[in-house]
Amino acid sequence: MINKNEANLVSFKILLTRKNEIVTEFSMLQENMVDGIFPKDERDIIKSILRNGKHKLSDLHSFFQREINSLK
């Protein structure tokens, strides 16, 4: 179900597919879209969340991808 009162800014998932494969998914709102979506007084915090989320979660995403691939 889609919640129209929420928007995904940054997400990281580890999924098990129907084929019994483990995959990772990392997605985030593009920072260049923030100015067109959010009020001016919220833009700095949203951009900070995106930058920090990318910094922290991209490393985790890469780590799990390497681990999964090494076990195949």
PDB file of N, CA and C in Angstrom:
ATOM      1  N   MET A   1       0.841  -1.178   0.000  1.00  0.00           N
ATOM      2  CA  MET A   1       0.000   0.000   0.000  1.00  0.00           C
ATOM      3  C   MET A   1       0.887   1.243   0.000  1.00  0.00           C
ATOM      4  N   ILE A   2       0.537   2.209  -0.781  1.00  0.00           N
ATOM      5  CA  ILE A   2       1.287   3.455  -0.880  1.00  0.00           C
ATOM      6  C   ILE A   2       0.703   4.470   0.092  1.00  0.00           C
ATOM      7  N   ASN A   3       1.588   5.053   0.900  1.00  0.00           N
ATOM      8  CA  ASN A   3       1.169   6.088   1.835  1.00  0.00           C
ATOM      9  C   ASN A   3       1.490   7.439   1.210  1.00  0.00           C
ATOM     10  N   LYS A   4       0.478   8.199   0.849  1.00  0.00           N
ATOM     11  CA  LYS A   4       0.679   9.484   0.187  1.00  0.00           C
ATOM     12  C   LYS A   4       1.108  10.576   1.155  1.00  0.00           C
ATOM     13  N   ASN A   5       1.195  10.244   2.443  1.00  0.00           N
ATOM     14  CA  ASN A   5       1.631  11.217   3.434  1.00  0.00           C
ATOM     15  C   ASN A   5       3.107  11.078   3.761  1.00  0.00           C
ATOM     16  N   GLU A   6       3.787  10.161   3.075  1.00  0.00           N
ATOM     17  CA  GLU A   6       5.204   9.929   3.328  1.00  0.00           C
ATOM     18  C   GLU A   6       5.970   9.913   2.016  1.00  0.00           C
ATOM     19  N   ALA A   7       7.252  10.244   2.107  1.00  0.00           N
ATOM     20  CA  ALA A   7       8.135  10.168   0.947  1.00  0.00           C
ATOM     21  C   ALA A   7       9.460   9.560   1.397  1.00  0.00           C
ATOM     22  N   ASN A   8      10.008   8.713   0.577  1.00  0.00           N
ATOM     23  CA  ASN A   8      11.268   8.066   0.897  1.00  0.00           C
ATOM     24  C   ASN A   8      12.432   8.996   0.546  1.00  0.00           C
ATOM     25  N   LEU A   9      13.238   9.356   1.525  1.00  0.00           N
ATOM     26  CA  LEU A   9      14.408  10.186   1.279  1.00  0.00           C
ATOM     27  C   LEU A   9      15.628   9.308   1.029  1.00  0.00           C
ATOM     28  N   VAL A  10      15.857   8.359   1.930  1.00  0.00           N
ATOM     29  CA  VAL A  10      16.996   7.447   1.828  1.00  0.00           C
ATOM     30  C   VAL A  10      16.528   6.078   2.301  1.00  0.00           C
ATOM     31  N   SER A  11      16.883   5.036   1.549  1.00  0.00           N
ATOM     32  CA  SER A  11      16.523   3.696   2.008  1.00  0.00           C
ATOM     33  C   SER A  11      17.600   2.690   1.645  1.00  0.00           C
ATOM     34  N   PHE A  12      17.701   1.682   2.481  1.00  0.00           N
ATOM     35  CA  PHE A  12      18.613   0.570   2.263  1.00  0.00           C
ATOM     36  C   PHE A  12      17.868  -0.691   2.648  1.00  0.00           C
ATOM     37  N   LYS A  13      17.896  -1.689   1.759  1.00  0.00           N
ATOM     38  CA  LYS A  13      17.195  -2.940   2.019  1.00  0.00           C
ATOM     39  C   LYS A  13      18.090  -4.114   1.679  1.00  0.00           C
ATOM     40  N   ILE A  14      17.898  -5.190   2.414  1.00  0.00           N
ATOM     41  CA  ILE A  14      18.468  -6.481   2.063  1.00  0.00           C
ATOM     42  C   ILE A  14      17.272  -7.388   1.837  1.00  0.00           C
ATOM     43  N   LEU A  15      17.156  -7.902   0.627  1.00  0.00           N
ATOM     44  CA  LEU A  15      15.964  -8.644   0.222  1.00  0.00           C
ATOM     45  C   LEU A  15      16.296 -10.082  -0.147  1.00  0.00           C
ATOM     46  N   LEU A  16      15.341 -10.950   0.071  1.00  0.00           N
ATOM     47  CA  LEU A  16      15.421 -12.329  -0.385  1.00  0.00           C
ATOM     48  C   LEU A  16      14.411 -12.470  -1.511  1.00  0.00           C
ATOM     49  N   THR A  17      14.876 -12.815  -2.711  1.00  0.00           N
ATOM     50  CA  THR A  17      13.986 -12.917  -3.866  1.00  0.00           C
ATOM     51  C   THR A  17      13.262 -14.258  -3.859  1.00  0.00           C
ATOM     52  N   ARG A  18      12.297 -14.381  -4.754  1.00  0.00           N
ATOM     53  CA  ARG A  18      11.564 -15.644  -4.901  1.00  0.00           C
ATOM     54  C   ARG A  18      12.475 -16.766  -5.381  1.00  0.00           C
ATOM     55  N   LYS A  19      13.585 -16.396  -6.002  1.00  0.00           N
ATOM     56  CA  LYS A  19      14.558 -17.387  -6.467  1.00  0.00           C
ATOM     57  C   LYS A  19      15.583 -17.713  -5.374  1.00  0.00           C
ATOM     58  N   ASN A  20      15.299 -17.250  -4.164  1.00  0.00           N
ATOM     59  CA  ASN A  20      16.163 -17.499  -3.003  1.00  0.00           C
ATOM     60  C   ASN A  20      17.532 -16.828  -3.126  1.00  0.00           C
ATOM     61  N   GLU A  21      17.569 -15.688  -3.789  1.00  0.00           N
ATOM     62  CA  GLU A  21      18.793 -14.916  -3.920  1.00  0.00           C
ATOM     63  C   GLU A  21      18.724 -13.716  -2.979  1.00  0.00           C
ATOM     64  N   ILE A  22      19.845 -13.384  -2.385  1.00  0.00           N
ATOM     65  CA  ILE A  22      19.921 -12.209  -1.515  1.00  0.00           C
ATOM     66  C   ILE A  22      20.417 -11.040  -2.352  1.00  0.00           C
ATOM     67  N   VAL A  23      19.690  -9.951  -2.314  1.00  0.00           N
ATOM     68  CA  VAL A  23      20.077  -8.745  -3.048  1.00  0.00           C
ATOM     69  C   VAL A  23      19.982  -7.543  -2.112  1.00  0.00           C
ATOM     70  N   THR A  24      20.762  -6.535  -2.426  1.00  0.00           N
ATOM     71  CA  THR A  24      20.697  -5.297  -1.653  1.00  0.00           C
ATOM     72  C   THR A  24      20.162  -4.195  -2.553  1.00  0.00           C
ATOM     73  N   GLU A  25      19.510  -3.246  -1.924  1.00  0.00           N
ATOM     74  CA  GLU A  25      18.946  -2.119  -2.659  1.00  0.00           C
ATOM     75  C   GLU A  25      19.225  -0.849  -1.868  1.00  0.00           C
ATOM     76  N   PHE A  26      19.790   0.136  -2.545  1.00  0.00           N
ATOM     77  CA  PHE A  26      20.087   1.421  -1.925  1.00  0.00           C
ATOM     78  C   PHE A  26      19.520   2.502  -2.836  1.00  0.00           C
ATOM     79  N   SER A  27      18.652   3.341  -2.287  1.00  0.00           N
ATOM     80  CA  SER A  27      18.076   4.415  -3.093  1.00  0.00           C
ATOM     81  C   SER A  27      17.936   5.678  -2.253  1.00  0.00           C
ATOM     82  N   MET A  28      17.916   6.785  -2.961  1.00  0.00           N
ATOM     83  CA  MET A  28      17.751   8.052  -2.268  1.00  0.00           C
ATOM     84  C   MET A  28      17.269   9.120  -3.240  1.00  0.00           C
ATOM     85  N   LEU A  29      16.641  10.131  -2.693  1.00  0.00           N
ATOM     86  CA  LEU A  29      16.217  11.284  -3.467  1.00  0.00           C
ATOM     87  C   LEU A  29      17.466  12.009  -3.956  1.00  0.00           C
ATOM     88  N   GLN A  30      17.467  12.433  -5.204  1.00  0.00           N
ATOM     89  CA  GLN A  30      18.603  13.191  -5.711  1.00  0.00           C
ATOM     90  C   GLN A  30      18.639  14.564  -5.049  1.00  0.00           C
ATOM     91  N   GLU A  31      19.815  14.947  -4.591  1.00  0.00           N
ATOM     92  CA  GLU A  31      19.943  16.214  -3.870  1.00  0.00           C
ATOM     93  C   GLU A  31      19.524  17.413  -4.727  1.00  0.00           C
ATOM     94  N   ASN A  32      19.718  17.323  -6.028  1.00  0.00           N
ATOM     95  CA  ASN A  32      19.358  18.459  -6.882  1.00  0.00           C
ATOM     96  C   ASN A  32      17.840  18.627  -7.036  1.00  0.00           C
ATOM     97  N   MET A  33      17.066  17.694  -6.505  1.00  0.00           N
ATOM     98  CA  MET A  33      15.607  17.795  -6.552  1.00  0.00           C
ATOM     99  C   MET A  33      15.028  18.481  -5.309  1.00  0.00           C
ATOM    100  N   VAL A  34      15.830  18.638  -4.282  1.00  0.00           N
ATOM    101  CA  VAL A  34      15.356  19.156  -2.992  1.00  0.00           C
ATOM    102  C   VAL A  34      14.748  20.549  -3.118  1.00  0.00           C
ATOM    103  N   ASP A  35      15.429  21.441  -3.830  1.00  0.00           N
ATOM    104  CA  ASP A  35      14.950  22.832  -3.926  1.00  0.00           C
ATOM    105  C   ASP A  35      13.576  22.931  -4.576  1.00  0.00           C
ATOM    106  N   GLY A  36      13.257  22.013  -5.473  1.00  0.00           N
ATOM    107  CA  GLY A  36      11.973  22.055  -6.148  1.00  0.00           C
ATOM    108  C   GLY A  36      10.847  21.390  -5.385  1.00  0.00           C
ATOM    109  N   ILE A  37      11.189  20.692  -4.293  1.00  0.00           N
ATOM    110  CA  ILE A  37      10.183  19.932  -3.554  1.00  0.00           C
ATOM    111  C   ILE A  37       9.891  20.506  -2.171  1.00  0.00           C
ATOM    112  N   PHE A  38      10.947  20.910  -1.460  1.00  0.00           N
ATOM    113  CA  PHE A  38      10.804  21.279  -0.049  1.00  0.00           C
ATOM    114  C   PHE A  38      10.802  22.789   0.155  1.00  0.00           C
ATOM    115  N   PRO A  39      10.123  23.248   1.215  1.00  0.00           N
ATOM    116  CA  PRO A  39      10.162  24.668   1.568  1.00  0.00           C
ATOM    117  C   PRO A  39      11.588  25.102   1.897  1.00  0.00           C
ATOM    118  N   LYS A  40      11.876  26.350   1.670  1.00  0.00           N
ATOM    119  CA  LYS A  40      13.231  26.884   1.836  1.00  0.00           C
ATOM    120  C   LYS A  40      13.815  26.599   3.227  1.00  0.00           C
ATOM    121  N   ASP A  41      13.003  26.685   4.269  1.00  0.00           N
ATOM    122  CA  ASP A  41      13.517  26.496   5.622  1.00  0.00           C
ATOM    123  C   ASP A  41      13.818  25.030   5.961  1.00  0.00           C
ATOM    124  N   GLU A  42      13.426  24.091   5.115  1.00  0.00           N
ATOM    125  CA  GLU A  42      13.703  22.673   5.354  1.00  0.00           C
ATOM    126  C   GLU A  42      14.814  22.116   4.468  1.00  0.00           C
ATOM    127  N   ARG A  43      15.233  22.857   3.488  1.00  0.00           N
ATOM    128  CA  ARG A  43      16.173  22.348   2.481  1.00  0.00           C
ATOM    129  C   ARG A  43      17.521  21.951   3.046  1.00  0.00           C
ATOM    130  N   ASP A  44      18.071  22.744   3.947  1.00  0.00           N
ATOM    131  CA  ASP A  44      19.401  22.428   4.488  1.00  0.00           C
ATOM    132  C   ASP A  44      19.408  21.112   5.250  1.00  0.00           C
ATOM    133  N   ILE A  45      18.391  20.870   6.066  1.00  0.00           N
ATOM    134  CA  ILE A  45      18.352  19.621   6.837  1.00  0.00           C
ATOM    135  C   ILE A  45      18.127  18.424   5.918  1.00  0.00           C
ATOM    136  N   ILE A  46      17.289  18.578   4.908  1.00  0.00           N
ATOM    137  CA  ILE A  46      17.050  17.483   3.961  1.00  0.00           C
ATOM    138  C   ILE A  46      18.336  17.161   3.200  1.00  0.00           C
ATOM    139  N   LYS A  47      19.034  18.165   2.740  1.00  0.00           N
ATOM    140  CA  LYS A  47      20.300  17.946   2.022  1.00  0.00           C
ATOM    141  C   LYS A  47      21.338  17.288   2.920  1.00  0.00           C
ATOM    142  N   SER A  48      21.370  17.682   4.189  1.00  0.00           N
ATOM    143  CA  SER A  48      22.285  17.068   5.145  1.00  0.00           C
ATOM    144  C   SER A  48      21.948  15.587   5.343  1.00  0.00           C
ATOM    145  N   ILE A  49      20.676  15.286   5.468  1.00  0.00           N
ATOM    146  CA  ILE A  49      20.244  13.892   5.611  1.00  0.00           C
ATOM    147  C   ILE A  49      20.663  13.084   4.386  1.00  0.00           C
ATOM    148  N   LEU A  50      20.472  13.639   3.209  1.00  0.00           N
ATOM    149  CA  LEU A  50      20.843  12.927   1.980  1.00  0.00           C
ATOM    150  C   LEU A  50      22.347  12.703   1.883  1.00  0.00           C
ATOM    151  N   ARG A  51      23.133  13.722   2.182  1.00  0.00           N
ATOM    152  CA  ARG A  51      24.595  13.577   2.113  1.00  0.00           C
ATOM    153  C   ARG A  51      25.100  12.561   3.123  1.00  0.00           C
ATOM    154  N   ASN A  52      24.611  12.655   4.357  1.00  0.00           N
ATOM    155  CA  ASN A  52      25.053  11.716   5.389  1.00  0.00           C
ATOM    156  C   ASN A  52      24.536  10.308   5.131  1.00  0.00           C
ATOM    157  N   GLY A  53      23.317  10.205   4.648  1.00  0.00           N
ATOM    158  CA  GLY A  53      22.775   8.894   4.312  1.00  0.00           C
ATOM    159  C   GLY A  53      23.587   8.231   3.219  1.00  0.00           C
ATOM    160  N   LYS A  54      23.931   9.004   2.206  1.00  0.00           N
ATOM    161  CA  LYS A  54      24.749   8.464   1.106  1.00  0.00           C
ATOM    162  C   LYS A  54      26.111   8.022   1.624  1.00  0.00           C
ATOM    163  N   HIS A  55      26.724   8.847   2.427  1.00  0.00           N
ATOM    164  CA  HIS A  55      28.056   8.535   2.963  1.00  0.00           C
ATOM    165  C   HIS A  55      28.038   7.252   3.796  1.00  0.00           C
ATOM    166  N   LYS A  56      27.096   7.132   4.685  1.00  0.00           N
ATOM    167  CA  LYS A  56      27.041   5.981   5.589  1.00  0.00           C
ATOM    168  C   LYS A  56      26.502   4.719   4.912  1.00  0.00           C
ATOM    169  N   LEU A  57      25.408   4.847   4.174  1.00  0.00           N
ATOM    170  CA  LEU A  57      24.756   3.658   3.637  1.00  0.00           C
ATOM    171  C   LEU A  57      25.395   3.126   2.366  1.00  0.00           C
ATOM    172  N   SER A  58      26.053   3.959   1.588  1.00  0.00           N
ATOM    173  CA  SER A  58      26.707   3.434   0.382  1.00  0.00           C
ATOM    174  C   SER A  58      27.843   2.496   0.771  1.00  0.00           C
ATOM    175  N   ASP A  59      28.546   2.788   1.863  1.00  0.00           N
ATOM    176  CA  ASP A  59      29.592   1.879   2.347  1.00  0.00           C
ATOM    177  C   ASP A  59      28.991   0.547   2.798  1.00  0.00           C
ATOM    178  N   LEU A  60      27.882   0.595   3.500  1.00  0.00           N
ATOM    179  CA  LEU A  60      27.209  -0.619   3.958  1.00  0.00           C
ATOM    180  C   LEU A  60      26.696  -1.422   2.763  1.00  0.00           C
ATOM    181  N   HIS A  61      26.117  -0.739   1.800  1.00  0.00           N
ATOM    182  CA  HIS A  61      25.628  -1.390   0.587  1.00  0.00           C
ATOM    183  C   HIS A  61      26.774  -2.106  -0.144  1.00  0.00           C
ATOM    184  N   SER A  62      27.889  -1.421  -0.315  1.00  0.00           N
ATOM    185  CA  SER A  62      29.052  -2.018  -0.983  1.00  0.00           C
ATOM    186  C   SER A  62      29.583  -3.214  -0.199  1.00  0.00           C
ATOM    187  N   PHE A  63      29.635  -3.085   1.110  1.00  0.00           N
ATOM    188  CA  PHE A  63      30.104  -4.190   1.955  1.00  0.00           C
ATOM    189  C   PHE A  63      29.257  -5.437   1.744  1.00  0.00           C
ATOM    190  N   PHE A  64      27.935  -5.297   1.824  1.00  0.00           N
ATOM    191  CA  PHE A  64      27.063  -6.460   1.665  1.00  0.00           C
ATOM    192  C   PHE A  64      27.132  -7.024   0.243  1.00  0.00           C
ATOM    193  N   GLN A  65      27.260  -6.182  -0.751  1.00  0.00           N
ATOM    194  CA  GLN A  65      27.391  -6.693  -2.117  1.00  0.00           C
ATOM    195  C   GLN A  65      28.656  -7.535  -2.259  1.00  0.00           C
ATOM    196  N   ARG A  66      29.763  -7.064  -1.696  1.00  0.00           N
ATOM    197  CA  ARG A  66      31.014  -7.840  -1.745  1.00  0.00           C
ATOM    198  C   ARG A  66      30.860  -9.165  -1.009  1.00  0.00           C
ATOM    199  N   GLU A  67      30.251  -9.131   0.166  1.00  0.00           N
ATOM    200  CA  GLU A  67      30.052 -10.350   0.950  1.00  0.00           C
ATOM    201  C   GLU A  67      29.174 -11.356   0.214  1.00  0.00           C
ATOM    202  N   ILE A  68      28.075 -10.883  -0.332  1.00  0.00           N
ATOM    203  CA  ILE A  68      27.160 -11.763  -1.061  1.00  0.00           C
ATOM    204  C   ILE A  68      27.846 -12.375  -2.270  1.00  0.00           C
ATOM    205  N   ASN A  69      28.580 -11.551  -3.020  1.00  0.00           N
ATOM    206  CA  ASN A  69      29.261 -12.053  -4.211  1.00  0.00           C
ATOM    207  C   ASN A  69      30.365 -13.029  -3.872  1.00  0.00           C
ATOM    208  N   SER A  70      31.034 -12.834  -2.751  1.00  0.00           N
ATOM    209  CA  SER A  70      32.119 -13.755  -2.372  1.00  0.00           C
ATOM    210  C   SER A  70      31.585 -15.117  -1.933  1.00  0.00           C
ATOM    211  N   LEU A  71      30.342 -15.171  -1.532  1.00  0.00           N
ATOM    212  CA  LEU A  71      29.759 -16.435  -1.068  1.00  0.00           C
ATOM    213  C   LEU A  71      29.047 -17.205  -2.176  1.00  0.00           C
ATOM    214  N   LYS A  72      28.979 -16.641  -3.350  1.00  0.00           N
ATOM    215  CA  LYS A  72      28.292 -17.319  -4.474  1.00  0.00           C
ATOM    216  C   LYS A  72      29.161 -18.408  -5.049  1.00  0.00           C
TER     217      LYS A  72
END
